[in-house]
Amino acid sequence: MEWIGLLLECCFLWLGIYLYRLGRGWVRPTDPQARQRAADFRARNGWWLRLAGLALAAIMLINIVLHLQQLFSN
């Protein structure tokens, strides 16, 4: 059961990294229309995407480190 929690924490870490990359513009769709919509969305919401991504990634990284310490201390 502990490993499932660790897996979920890793998924949330990945989500935080993805949100940050999306907010910075490092994720680009291949379709030109989708690329334009993504650029418009990023122009309106890029600042909170970056903040949310950084916060989520930082919190999940701390959780993963603490979780691993707990798992291997037994």
N, C-alpha and C. Protein backbone atom coordinates (compact mmCIF):
# COMPACT_ATOMS: atom_id res chain seq x y z
N MET A 1 0.82 -1.20 0.00
CA MET A 1 0.00 0.00 0.00
C MET A 1 0.86 1.26 0.00
N GLU A 2 2.01 1.19 0.67
CA GLU A 2 2.90 2.34 0.71
C GLU A 2 3.44 2.68 -0.69
N TRP A 3 3.65 1.65 -1.49
CA TRP A 3 4.19 1.88 -2.83
C TRP A 3 3.18 2.57 -3.74
N ILE A 4 1.91 2.34 -3.51
CA ILE A 4 0.88 3.01 -4.30
C ILE A 4 0.90 4.51 -4.00
N GLY A 5 1.06 4.85 -2.73
CA GLY A 5 1.17 6.27 -2.35
C GLY A 5 2.38 6.92 -2.99
N LEU A 6 3.50 6.19 -3.02
CA LEU A 6 4.71 6.72 -3.65
C LEU A 6 4.50 6.92 -5.15
N LEU A 7 3.81 5.98 -5.78
CA LEU A 7 3.51 6.10 -7.20
C LEU A 7 2.63 7.32 -7.48
N LEU A 8 1.63 7.55 -6.63
CA LEU A 8 0.77 8.73 -6.80
C LEU A 8 1.55 10.03 -6.60
N GLU A 9 2.46 10.04 -5.64
CA GLU A 9 3.28 11.22 -5.43
C GLU A 9 4.16 11.50 -6.64
N CYS A 10 4.68 10.44 -7.25
CA CYS A 10 5.48 10.62 -8.47
C CYS A 10 4.62 11.15 -9.61
N CYS A 11 3.38 10.70 -9.70
CA CYS A 11 2.47 11.21 -10.74
C CYS A 11 2.19 12.70 -10.53
N PHE A 12 1.98 13.10 -9.28
CA PHE A 12 1.74 14.51 -9.01
C PHE A 12 3.00 15.34 -9.26
N LEU A 13 4.18 14.78 -8.99
CA LEU A 13 5.43 15.48 -9.33
C LEU A 13 5.51 15.69 -10.83
N TRP A 14 5.19 14.65 -11.60
CA TRP A 14 5.20 14.78 -13.06
C TRP A 14 4.20 15.85 -13.51
N LEU A 15 3.03 15.89 -12.88
CA LEU A 15 2.02 16.89 -13.21
C LEU A 15 2.54 18.30 -12.93
N GLY A 16 3.21 18.48 -11.80
CA GLY A 16 3.78 19.79 -11.47
C GLY A 16 4.83 20.22 -12.49
N ILE A 17 5.67 19.29 -12.89
CA ILE A 17 6.69 19.60 -13.90
C ILE A 17 6.03 19.94 -15.23
N TYR A 18 5.00 19.19 -15.60
CA TYR A 18 4.29 19.45 -16.85
C TYR A 18 3.62 20.83 -16.83
N LEU A 19 2.99 21.19 -15.70
CA LEU A 19 2.35 22.51 -15.59
C LEU A 19 3.39 23.62 -15.73
N TYR A 20 4.54 23.44 -15.11
CA TYR A 20 5.58 24.45 -15.24
C TYR A 20 6.05 24.57 -16.68
N ARG A 21 6.29 23.44 -17.31
CA ARG A 21 6.74 23.47 -18.71
C ARG A 21 5.67 24.07 -19.63
N LEU A 22 4.41 23.78 -19.35
CA LEU A 22 3.32 24.37 -20.13
C LEU A 22 3.27 25.88 -19.94
N GLY A 23 3.44 26.33 -18.72
CA GLY A 23 3.43 27.77 -18.43
C GLY A 23 4.61 28.50 -19.05
N ARG A 24 5.74 27.83 -19.20
CA ARG A 24 6.92 28.45 -19.81
C ARG A 24 6.88 28.38 -21.34
N GLY A 25 6.03 27.56 -21.90
CA GLY A 25 5.93 27.45 -23.35
C GLY A 25 6.82 26.38 -23.93
N TRP A 26 7.27 25.44 -23.12
CA TRP A 26 8.15 24.38 -23.60
C TRP A 26 7.38 23.20 -24.15
N VAL A 27 6.06 23.19 -23.95
CA VAL A 27 5.20 22.14 -24.50
C VAL A 27 4.49 22.75 -25.69
N ARG A 28 4.72 22.18 -26.87
CA ARG A 28 4.13 22.75 -28.09
C ARG A 28 3.35 21.69 -28.86
N PRO A 29 2.09 21.97 -29.11
CA PRO A 29 1.29 21.05 -29.94
C PRO A 29 1.77 21.08 -31.39
N THR A 30 1.50 20.02 -32.12
CA THR A 30 1.92 19.96 -33.52
C THR A 30 0.94 20.68 -34.44
N ASP A 31 -0.33 20.70 -34.07
CA ASP A 31 -1.36 21.34 -34.88
C ASP A 31 -1.25 22.86 -34.74
N PRO A 32 -1.21 23.61 -35.87
CA PRO A 32 -1.08 25.08 -35.78
C PRO A 32 -2.22 25.76 -35.03
N GLN A 33 -3.45 25.27 -35.19
CA GLN A 33 -4.57 25.86 -34.46
C GLN A 33 -4.44 25.61 -32.96
N ALA A 34 -4.07 24.41 -32.61
CA ALA A 34 -3.88 24.08 -31.20
C ALA A 34 -2.72 24.87 -30.62
N ARG A 35 -1.68 25.09 -31.42
CA ARG A 35 -0.54 25.88 -30.96
C ARG A 35 -0.96 27.32 -30.67
N GLN A 36 -1.82 27.88 -31.51
CA GLN A 36 -2.30 29.24 -31.29
C GLN A 36 -3.17 29.33 -30.05
N ARG A 37 -4.07 28.34 -29.88
CA ARG A 37 -4.91 28.32 -28.68
C ARG A 37 -4.06 28.17 -27.42
N ALA A 38 -3.02 27.34 -27.48
CA ALA A 38 -2.14 27.16 -26.33
C ALA A 38 -1.37 28.45 -26.03
N ALA A 39 -0.95 29.16 -27.07
CA ALA A 39 -0.24 30.43 -26.87
C ALA A 39 -1.16 31.47 -26.25
N ASP A 40 -2.41 31.51 -26.69
CA ASP A 40 -3.38 32.45 -26.10
C ASP A 40 -3.65 32.10 -24.63
N PHE A 41 -3.83 30.80 -24.36
CA PHE A 41 -4.07 30.37 -22.98
C PHE A 41 -2.88 30.70 -22.10
N ARG A 42 -1.68 30.47 -22.61
CA ARG A 42 -0.46 30.75 -21.86
C ARG A 42 -0.30 32.25 -21.61
N ALA A 43 -0.70 33.06 -22.57
CA ALA A 43 -0.60 34.51 -22.39
C ALA A 43 -1.54 34.99 -21.28
N ARG A 44 -2.71 34.36 -21.17
CA ARG A 44 -3.67 34.75 -20.13
C ARG A 44 -3.33 34.13 -18.78
N ASN A 45 -2.83 32.90 -18.76
CA ASN A 45 -2.71 32.15 -17.51
C ASN A 45 -1.30 31.65 -17.21
N GLY A 46 -0.31 32.13 -17.91
CA GLY A 46 1.03 31.61 -17.75
C GLY A 46 1.62 31.82 -16.37
N TRP A 47 1.34 32.95 -15.74
CA TRP A 47 1.96 33.23 -14.44
C TRP A 47 1.49 32.26 -13.36
N TRP A 48 0.19 31.94 -13.34
CA TRP A 48 -0.27 31.03 -12.29
C TRP A 48 0.08 29.59 -12.62
N LEU A 49 0.20 29.26 -13.92
CA LEU A 49 0.65 27.91 -14.28
C LEU A 49 2.06 27.66 -13.78
N ARG A 50 2.93 28.65 -13.96
CA ARG A 50 4.31 28.50 -13.49
C ARG A 50 4.35 28.38 -11.97
N LEU A 51 3.60 29.24 -11.29
CA LEU A 51 3.59 29.18 -9.82
C LEU A 51 3.00 27.87 -9.31
N ALA A 52 1.90 27.45 -9.88
CA ALA A 52 1.27 26.21 -9.46
C ALA A 52 2.17 25.01 -9.74
N GLY A 53 2.81 25.02 -10.90
CA GLY A 53 3.71 23.93 -11.25
C GLY A 53 4.91 23.85 -10.31
N LEU A 54 5.51 25.00 -10.02
CA LEU A 54 6.65 25.01 -9.10
C LEU A 54 6.24 24.58 -7.70
N ALA A 55 5.12 25.08 -7.22
CA ALA A 55 4.66 24.73 -5.88
C ALA A 55 4.35 23.24 -5.79
N LEU A 56 3.62 22.72 -6.76
CA LEU A 56 3.27 21.30 -6.74
C LEU A 56 4.51 20.42 -6.84
N ALA A 57 5.44 20.78 -7.71
CA ALA A 57 6.66 19.99 -7.86
C ALA A 57 7.50 20.03 -6.58
N ALA A 58 7.62 21.19 -5.96
CA ALA A 58 8.42 21.30 -4.74
C ALA A 58 7.80 20.48 -3.61
N ILE A 59 6.49 20.60 -3.43
CA ILE A 59 5.82 19.86 -2.35
C ILE A 59 5.91 18.35 -2.59
N MET A 60 5.72 17.92 -3.83
CA MET A 60 5.77 16.49 -4.11
C MET A 60 7.19 15.95 -3.99
N LEU A 61 8.19 16.75 -4.35
CA LEU A 61 9.57 16.29 -4.20
C LEU A 61 9.91 16.09 -2.73
N ILE A 62 9.48 17.00 -1.89
CA ILE A 62 9.69 16.84 -0.44
C ILE A 62 8.94 15.61 0.06
N ASN A 63 7.70 15.42 -0.38
CA ASN A 63 6.92 14.25 0.03
C ASN A 63 7.59 12.95 -0.41
N ILE A 64 8.13 12.93 -1.61
CA ILE A 64 8.78 11.71 -2.11
C ILE A 64 10.02 11.39 -1.28
N VAL A 65 10.82 12.40 -0.98
CA VAL A 65 12.03 12.18 -0.18
C VAL A 65 11.65 11.65 1.20
N LEU A 66 10.67 12.27 1.84
CA LEU A 66 10.24 11.82 3.16
C LEU A 66 9.63 10.42 3.10
N HIS A 67 8.89 10.14 2.05
CA HIS A 67 8.27 8.82 1.88
C HIS A 67 9.35 7.76 1.71
N LEU A 68 10.36 8.04 0.91
CA LEU A 68 11.45 7.07 0.71
C LEU A 68 12.23 6.85 2.00
N GLN A 69 12.46 7.91 2.76
CA GLN A 69 13.13 7.75 4.03
C GLN A 69 12.32 6.87 4.98
N GLN A 70 11.03 7.05 4.99
CA GLN A 70 10.17 6.24 5.83
C GLN A 70 10.15 4.79 5.38
N LEU A 71 10.11 4.55 4.07
CA LEU A 71 10.08 3.18 3.56
C LEU A 71 11.36 2.42 3.87
N PHE A 72 12.50 3.07 3.73
CA PHE A 72 13.77 2.38 3.89
C PHE A 72 14.31 2.43 5.31
N SER A 73 13.65 3.09 6.22
CA SER A 73 14.10 3.12 7.61
C SER A 73 13.62 1.89 8.38
N ASN A 74 12.65 1.20 7.86
CA ASN A 74 12.12 0.00 8.57
C ASN A 74 12.96 -1.20 8.31
